[in-house]
Every structure is written in C-alpha cells, then in structure tokens.
Amino acid sequence: MQNTFSVLFYPRGNDVDKNGKTSVYQRITVNGKRSEVSIKRKVLLTKWNSDAGKLILLNTKL
C-alpha cells in the first residue's frame, strides 16, 4: 500500500472582512483523508497566487 501526503494553503474567499482581507487555511491530506485548519493569518485576496499557493509580495507590507 502506498501512502500519500500533501499540504495546501488557500484563502477562504467567503469571509472577506471590511478591509478586503480573508483568512488563510491549511489543508493536510494523508491517504485521502483531509483536515483543514486556519493558520490565523489574513491576506488580501487580490494578492493571492492560486497557482503557486502563496502571496504575491512586492514589499514587506502586508
């Protein structure tokens, strides 16, 4: 039997606050079983690169 493991970071776009920021979640998948948890960070949805699974930062100001 082959074991699989993956980690994915993604913004949850359905809970955008008044500043346009949304919570970032982490999904861990082990052998097809998923677990999701908030990493307690907020980002601008427009600054998120979905293909890379990370922020697009041009400077250090979030």
C-alpha atoms as a PDB file:
ATOM      1  CA  MET A   1       0.000   0.000   0.000  1.00  0.00           C
ATOM      2  CA  GLN A   2       1.315   3.432  -0.976  1.00  0.00           C
ATOM      3  CA  ASN A   3       0.996   6.333   1.480  1.00  0.00           C
ATOM      4  CA  THR A   4       0.204   9.830   0.223  1.00  0.00           C
ATOM      5  CA  PHE A   5       0.662  13.181   1.931  1.00  0.00           C
ATOM      6  CA  SER A   6       0.023  16.750   0.769  1.00  0.00           C
ATOM      7  CA  VAL A   7      -0.211  20.235   2.263  1.00  0.00           C
ATOM      8  CA  LEU A   8      -2.176  23.049   0.627  1.00  0.00           C
ATOM      9  CA  PHE A   9      -2.618  26.682   1.690  1.00  0.00           C
ATOM     10  CA  TYR A  10      -5.616  28.625   0.404  1.00  0.00           C
ATOM     11  CA  PRO A  11      -7.668  31.730   1.231  1.00  0.00           C
ATOM     12  CA  ARG A  12     -11.252  31.230   2.205  1.00  0.00           C
ATOM     13  CA  GLY A  13     -12.892  33.838  -0.020  1.00  0.00           C
ATOM     14  CA  ASN A  14     -16.357  33.625   1.507  1.00  0.00           C
ATOM     15  CA  ASP A  15     -15.398  35.505   4.697  1.00  0.00           C
ATOM     16  CA  VAL A  16     -13.842  38.760   3.471  1.00  0.00           C
ATOM     17  CA  ASP A  17     -13.660  41.477   6.141  1.00  0.00           C
ATOM     18  CA  LYS A  18     -14.272  45.216   5.676  1.00  0.00           C
ATOM     19  CA  ASN A  19     -10.600  45.755   4.737  1.00  0.00           C
ATOM     20  CA  GLY A  20     -10.809  43.214   1.915  1.00  0.00           C
ATOM     21  CA  LYS A  21      -8.787  40.574   3.777  1.00  0.00           C
ATOM     22  CA  THR A  22      -9.694  36.926   4.115  1.00  0.00           C
ATOM     23  CA  SER A  23      -8.469  34.074   6.329  1.00  0.00           C
ATOM     24  CA  VAL A  24      -5.835  31.626   5.107  1.00  0.00           C
ATOM     25  CA  TYR A  25      -6.426  27.930   5.746  1.00  0.00           C
ATOM     26  CA  GLN A  26      -4.148  24.915   5.572  1.00  0.00           C
ATOM     27  CA  ARG A  27      -5.389  21.579   4.273  1.00  0.00           C
ATOM     28  CA  ILE A  28      -3.408  18.464   5.144  1.00  0.00           C
ATOM     29  CA  THR A  29      -4.314  15.292   3.255  1.00  0.00           C
ATOM     30  CA  VAL A  30      -2.981  11.906   4.349  1.00  0.00           C
ATOM     31  CA  ASN A  31      -4.069   8.840   2.390  1.00  0.00           C
ATOM     32  CA  GLY A  32      -7.137  10.681   1.092  1.00  0.00           C
ATOM     33  CA  LYS A  33      -8.337  11.933   4.496  1.00  0.00           C
ATOM     34  CA  ARG A  34      -8.473  15.727   4.799  1.00  0.00           C
ATOM     35  CA  SER A  35      -8.072  18.038   7.739  1.00  0.00           C
ATOM     36  CA  GLU A  36      -8.428  21.821   7.468  1.00  0.00           C
ATOM     37  CA  VAL A  37      -7.315  24.436   9.977  1.00  0.00           C
ATOM     38  CA  SER A  38      -6.997  28.216   9.991  1.00  0.00           C
ATOM     39  CA  ILE A  39      -3.411  29.428  10.285  1.00  0.00           C
ATOM     40  CA  LYS A  40      -4.646  32.639  11.954  1.00  0.00           C
ATOM     41  CA  ARG A  41      -3.447  34.910   9.151  1.00  0.00           C
ATOM     42  CA  LYS A  42      -5.388  37.253   6.876  1.00  0.00           C
ATOM     43  CA  VAL A  43      -4.400  38.323   3.367  1.00  0.00           C
ATOM     44  CA  LEU A  44      -5.774  40.461   0.590  1.00  0.00           C
ATOM     45  CA  LEU A  45      -7.489  38.133  -1.848  1.00  0.00           C
ATOM     46  CA  THR A  46      -6.106  40.153  -4.773  1.00  0.00           C
ATOM     47  CA  LYS A  47      -2.539  39.407  -3.600  1.00  0.00           C
ATOM     48  CA  TRP A  48      -3.007  35.605  -3.555  1.00  0.00           C
ATOM     49  CA  ASN A  49      -1.428  33.486  -6.304  1.00  0.00           C
ATOM     50  CA  SER A  50      -3.693  30.423  -6.588  1.00  0.00           C
ATOM     51  CA  ASP A  51      -1.351  28.519  -8.897  1.00  0.00           C
ATOM     52  CA  ALA A  52       1.597  28.808  -6.511  1.00  0.00           C
ATOM     53  CA  GLY A  53      -0.472  28.683  -3.300  1.00  0.00           C
ATOM     54  CA  LYS A  54       1.204  31.753  -1.835  1.00  0.00           C
ATOM     55  CA  LEU A  55       1.136  35.546  -1.611  1.00  0.00           C
ATOM     56  CA  ILE A  56       2.436  37.862  -4.282  1.00  0.00           C
ATOM     57  CA  LEU A  57       4.648  40.241  -2.303  1.00  0.00           C
ATOM     58  CA  LEU A  58       6.380  43.229  -3.820  1.00  0.00           C
ATOM     59  CA  ASN A  59       7.418  44.648  -0.447  1.00  0.00           C
ATOM     60  CA  THR A  60       7.194  43.577   3.205  1.00  0.00           C
ATOM     61  CA  LYS A  61       3.970  45.446   3.982  1.00  0.00           C
ATOM     62  CA  LEU A  62       1.013  43.052   4.212  1.00  0.00           C
END
